[in-house]
Protein backbone atom coordinates (compact mmCIF):
# COMPACT_ATOMS: atom_id res chain seq x y z
CA MET A 1 -9.76 -5.12 -10.10
CA ARG A 2 -7.55 -8.05 -8.98
CA SER A 3 -4.91 -9.73 -11.07
CA GLU A 4 -4.69 -13.51 -11.12
CA GLN A 5 -1.36 -13.26 -9.28
CA ASP A 6 -2.85 -11.25 -6.43
CA LEU A 7 -5.90 -13.45 -6.03
CA VAL A 8 -3.77 -16.24 -4.60
CA PHE A 9 -1.83 -14.09 -2.12
CA THR A 10 -2.89 -14.90 1.41
CA ARG A 11 -1.30 -14.65 4.83
CA GLU A 12 -0.75 -18.40 4.86
CA GLN A 13 1.28 -18.22 1.62
CA ALA A 14 3.42 -15.25 2.71
CA ARG A 15 6.95 -16.06 3.86
CA PRO A 16 7.24 -15.00 7.53
CA ALA A 17 10.06 -12.78 8.77
CA ARG A 18 13.02 -14.65 10.24
CA VAL A 19 12.89 -12.60 13.44
CA GLY A 20 9.66 -13.13 15.36
CA ASN A 21 10.48 -10.92 18.34
CA VAL A 22 8.80 -7.60 17.60
CA ARG A 23 11.21 -5.42 19.56
CA LEU A 24 14.28 -7.03 18.00
CA ARG A 25 12.75 -6.75 14.53
CA ARG A 26 12.14 -3.03 15.02
CA LEU A 27 15.69 -2.46 16.28
CA LEU A 28 17.17 -4.34 13.33
CA ALA A 29 15.00 -2.40 10.89
CA LEU A 30 16.08 0.90 12.42
CA ALA A 31 19.74 -0.06 12.12
CA ILE A 32 19.39 -1.33 8.54
CA ALA A 33 17.50 1.81 7.50
CA HIS A 34 20.53 3.93 8.39
CA LEU A 35 23.12 1.94 6.46
CA PRO A 36 24.85 4.29 3.98
CA LEU A 37 24.20 2.36 0.73
CA GLY A 38 20.93 1.10 -0.71
CA GLY A 39 22.48 -2.22 -1.66
CA TRP A 40 23.56 -2.77 1.93
CA ARG A 41 20.06 -1.97 3.14
CA LYS A 42 18.51 -4.47 0.75
CA LEU A 43 20.99 -7.17 1.75
CA GLY A 44 20.43 -6.44 5.43
CA TYR A 45 16.68 -6.86 5.14
CA ALA A 46 17.05 -10.01 3.05
CA TRP A 47 19.68 -11.74 5.21
CA LEU A 48 18.55 -10.69 8.67
CA LEU A 49 14.78 -10.52 8.27
CA GLY A 50 14.14 -12.78 5.28
CA TYR A 51 12.38 -10.21 3.10
CA ARG A 52 12.37 -10.73 -0.67
CA PHE A 53 13.35 -8.17 -3.31
CA GLY A 54 13.16 -8.52 -7.09
CA ALA A 55 15.95 -7.53 -9.45
CA GLY A 56 16.59 -3.80 -9.60
CA THR A 57 14.72 -2.89 -6.43
CA ARG A 58 16.04 0.25 -4.74
CA LEU A 59 15.63 1.29 -1.10
CA GLY A 60 16.17 4.87 -0.01
CA TRP A 61 17.77 6.00 3.22
CA GLN A 62 15.68 5.61 6.38
CA VAL A 63 13.28 3.13 4.76
CA GLN A 64 12.16 1.01 7.71
CA ILE A 65 10.62 -2.42 7.11
CA ALA A 66 9.55 -4.29 10.25
CA VAL A 67 6.60 -6.46 9.23
CA ASP A 68 5.49 -10.09 9.28
CA SER A 69 6.36 -10.62 5.61
CA PHE A 70 7.56 -8.44 2.76
CA GLU A 71 7.90 -9.10 -0.97
CA ALA A 72 8.83 -6.56 -3.65
CA GLY A 73 8.80 -7.36 -7.35
CA ALA A 74 11.36 -6.35 -9.96
CA GLY A 75 12.27 -2.71 -10.45
CA VAL A 76 10.53 -1.44 -7.32
CA THR A 77 11.63 1.92 -5.86
CA ILE A 78 10.99 2.91 -2.23
CA ARG A 79 12.23 6.37 -1.43
CA ARG A 80 13.56 8.01 1.71
CA GLY A 81 11.70 7.87 5.01
CA THR A 82 8.89 5.50 4.07
CA THR A 83 7.99 2.99 6.80
CA PHE A 84 6.33 -0.42 6.77
CA ILE A 85 5.66 -1.25 10.42
CA GLY A 86 3.55 -3.82 12.25
CA PRO A 87 2.13 -7.35 11.96
CA ILE A 88 1.24 -7.04 8.26
CA SER A 89 2.00 -8.81 4.99
CA VAL A 90 3.24 -6.51 2.22
CA ARG A 91 3.43 -7.26 -1.48
CA LEU A 92 4.59 -4.69 -4.05
CA GLY A 93 4.20 -5.47 -7.74
CA ASP A 94 6.83 -4.99 -10.42
CA ARG A 95 7.96 -1.40 -11.04
CA ALA A 96 5.92 0.01 -8.15
CA PHE A 97 7.17 3.43 -7.07
CA ILE A 98 6.73 4.40 -3.42
CA GLY A 99 7.70 8.01 -2.72
CA ARG A 100 9.04 9.66 0.40
CA TYR A 101 7.64 9.59 3.93
CA ASN A 102 4.69 7.29 3.39
CA LYS A 103 3.44 5.31 6.41
CA ILE A 104 2.15 1.78 5.90
CA GLU A 105 1.45 0.66 9.43
CA CYS A 106 -0.63 -1.43 11.83
CA GLY A 107 -0.53 -1.59 15.62
CA GLU A 108 0.95 -4.75 17.13
CA GLY A 109 -2.25 -5.31 19.11
CA ALA A 110 -4.05 -6.36 15.92
CA ALA A 111 -2.14 -9.66 16.00
CA HIS A 112 -2.97 -10.55 19.62
CA GLY A 113 -5.06 -13.64 20.25
CA ASN A 114 -7.67 -11.70 22.21
CA VAL A 115 -8.79 -9.92 19.02
CA SER A 116 -8.74 -12.96 16.70
CA HIS A 117 -12.53 -12.75 16.44
CA MET A 118 -12.09 -9.46 14.55
CA ASN A 119 -10.47 -11.30 11.61
CA TYR A 120 -8.01 -8.53 10.80
CA ALA A 121 -6.58 -9.32 7.34
CA ARG A 122 -3.49 -7.10 7.79
CA ARG A 123 -2.47 -7.10 4.11
CA PHE A 124 -1.10 -4.34 1.88
CA ILE A 125 -1.04 -5.32 -1.80
CA VAL A 126 0.10 -3.00 -4.57
CA GLY A 127 -0.12 -4.00 -8.24
CA ASN A 128 2.37 -3.58 -11.04
CA ASP A 129 3.33 -0.10 -12.30
CA CYS A 130 1.67 1.72 -9.40
CA LEU A 131 2.78 5.04 -7.95
CA ILE A 132 2.29 6.16 -4.36
CA ASN A 133 3.66 9.68 -4.06
CA GLU A 134 4.51 11.30 -0.71
CA SER A 135 3.30 11.50 2.88
CA HIS A 136 0.28 9.22 2.59
CA LEU A 137 -1.04 7.11 5.48
CA PHE A 138 -2.20 3.51 5.05
CA ASP A 139 -3.79 1.98 8.16
CA VAL A 140 -3.52 -1.77 7.49
CA LEU A 141 -5.68 -3.57 10.03
CA GLY A 142 -7.75 -4.80 7.12
CA GLU A 143 -6.64 -5.36 3.55
CA ILE A 144 -5.71 -2.46 1.28
CA ARG A 145 -5.41 -3.53 -2.35
CA ILE A 146 -4.37 -1.18 -5.16
CA GLY A 147 -4.78 -2.33 -8.77
CA ASP A 148 -2.21 -2.31 -11.54
CA GLY A 149 -1.21 1.08 -12.90
CA THR A 150 -3.00 3.16 -10.26
CA TRP A 151 -1.55 6.41 -8.93
CA VAL A 152 -2.01 7.64 -5.37
CA ALA A 153 -0.83 11.08 -6.37
CA GLY A 154 -0.13 14.27 -4.47
CA PHE A 155 0.25 14.38 -0.70
CA GLY A 156 -1.50 13.63 2.56
CA SER A 157 -4.16 11.04 1.70
CA GLN A 158 -5.46 8.60 4.33
CA PHE A 159 -6.71 5.04 3.95
CA LEU A 160 -8.33 3.77 7.15
CA THR A 161 -9.40 0.17 7.76
CA HIS A 162 -10.53 0.33 11.37
CA GLY A 163 -13.21 1.99 13.43
CA ALA A 164 -15.39 1.23 16.44
CA GLY A 165 -17.29 -1.98 15.71
CA THR A 166 -16.27 -1.96 12.03
CA MET A 167 -16.20 -5.40 10.41
CA ASN A 168 -16.44 -4.43 6.72
CA ARG A 169 -13.05 -2.76 6.70
CA ASP A 170 -11.12 -3.71 3.55
CA ILE A 171 -10.33 -1.07 0.90
CA ALA A 172 -10.13 -1.98 -2.80
CA ILE A 173 -8.92 0.46 -5.46
CA GLY A 174 -9.16 -0.62 -9.07
CA GLY A 175 -6.56 -0.51 -11.80
CA GLU A 176 -5.41 2.49 -13.85
CA SER A 177 -7.08 4.94 -11.49
CA PHE A 178 -5.85 8.34 -10.30
CA LEU A 179 -6.31 9.61 -6.73
CA GLY A 180 -5.64 13.29 -6.10
CA SER A 181 -4.13 14.87 -2.99
CA ALA A 182 -5.69 14.64 0.46
CA VAL A 183 -8.35 12.05 -0.32
CA ARG A 184 -9.83 9.92 2.45
CA PHE A 185 -10.97 6.32 2.16
CA ALA A 186 -13.13 4.98 5.01
CA PRO A 187 -13.25 1.31 6.06
CA GLY A 188 -15.05 -0.83 3.51
CA SER A 189 -14.75 1.72 0.72
CA GLY A 190 -13.27 1.56 -2.74
CA VAL A 191 -13.49 2.56 -6.39
CA GLY A 192 -13.46 0.70 -9.70
CA ASP A 193 -11.07 0.72 -12.66
CA LYS A 194 -9.95 3.85 -14.54
CA VAL A 195 -11.52 6.14 -11.93
CA ILE A 196 -10.35 9.69 -11.18
CA VAL A 197 -10.86 10.69 -7.53
CA ALA A 198 -10.85 14.46 -7.07
CA MET A 199 -8.57 16.17 -4.56
CA GLY A 200 -10.06 16.19 -1.05
CA ALA A 201 -12.77 13.63 -1.76
CA VAL A 202 -13.98 11.47 1.15
CA VAL A 203 -14.91 8.00 -0.09
CA THR A 204 -17.22 6.38 2.46
CA LYS A 205 -18.48 3.34 0.52
CA ARG A 206 -17.73 1.08 -2.43
CA ILE A 207 -18.27 2.90 -5.72
CA PRO A 208 -18.07 0.04 -8.22
CA ASP A 209 -18.45 2.09 -11.42
CA ASP A 210 -15.55 2.04 -13.90
CA ARG A 211 -14.40 5.04 -15.98
CA VAL A 212 -16.00 7.71 -13.80
CA ILE A 213 -14.92 10.87 -12.00
CA VAL A 214 -15.60 10.84 -8.26
CA GLY A 215 -15.51 13.77 -5.84
CA GLY A 216 -17.12 15.51 -2.90
CA VAL A 217 -17.87 14.86 0.77
CA PRO A 218 -19.11 12.19 0.89
CA ALA A 219 -17.76 11.20 -2.50
CA ARG A 220 -20.17 10.42 -5.34
CA VAL A 221 -19.97 9.91 -9.07
CA ILE A 222 -19.79 13.35 -10.68
CA LYS A 223 -19.78 12.15 -14.27
CA ALA A 224 -18.67 9.35 -16.52
CA ARG A 225 -15.44 9.58 -18.45
CA THR A 226 -16.38 9.91 -22.10
CA GLU A 227 -15.10 7.64 -24.84
CA ASP A 228 -12.80 10.40 -26.14
CA ASP A 229 -11.19 10.74 -22.67
CA LYS A 230 -7.82 9.14 -23.40
CA HIS A 231 -6.00 10.32 -20.24
CA THR A 232 -3.52 7.79 -18.94
CA PHE A 233 -1.05 8.03 -16.08
CA THR A 234 2.38 6.66 -16.87
CA LYS A 235 5.67 7.09 -15.04
CA THR A 236 8.10 8.71 -17.48
CA TRP A 237 10.94 9.78 -15.18
CA GLU A 238 13.85 8.02 -13.52
CA ALA A 239 13.60 7.45 -9.76
């Protein structure tokens, strides 16, 4: 479920943003997000906030990035209106496609010293060749990790890593999986590799099985994917 590259990514190894003042960082991000050309937006984030972008990365209009650290691989696309906000570390693998109006966010209070005992990981890690479609919510107090080639398809899914008294909060989604519209992942939940999660499923725990179809409330394994199930999910269009 984790590539060798991702295994070594920790908060200590992430390059911090050049601007530590939260309010100033948010104001700069808002201004950069409204620059008229994507190249200007990328340069603004790199020069003013120290974020890193691989070759061929494209940022849509109103993409706000105001986080502790941000790294995008080569050929990444982030479309209009998506926001990365809060004291989090973000890493997007090569050729990741992030659609419109997604929210990847964490409240600033999660970084305060008075909650250090909660051990909030505050990491959002997306593998290579992933797709996150439109209007999904990622609550990144814990770690959310999405494996290579996985699609968060459709609209309106939620991935929550906090709750009253919750300590097992990280969410792990395996590689080459497909998540339908309006799914919900609770703190501490996840699925294995090559899993199909049915539309509207509520995943409340770790389901480690590979090559299965998961659905329902709460979600459970409905059936295994047979050997002749050759379905794959590959981006075939231009951004």
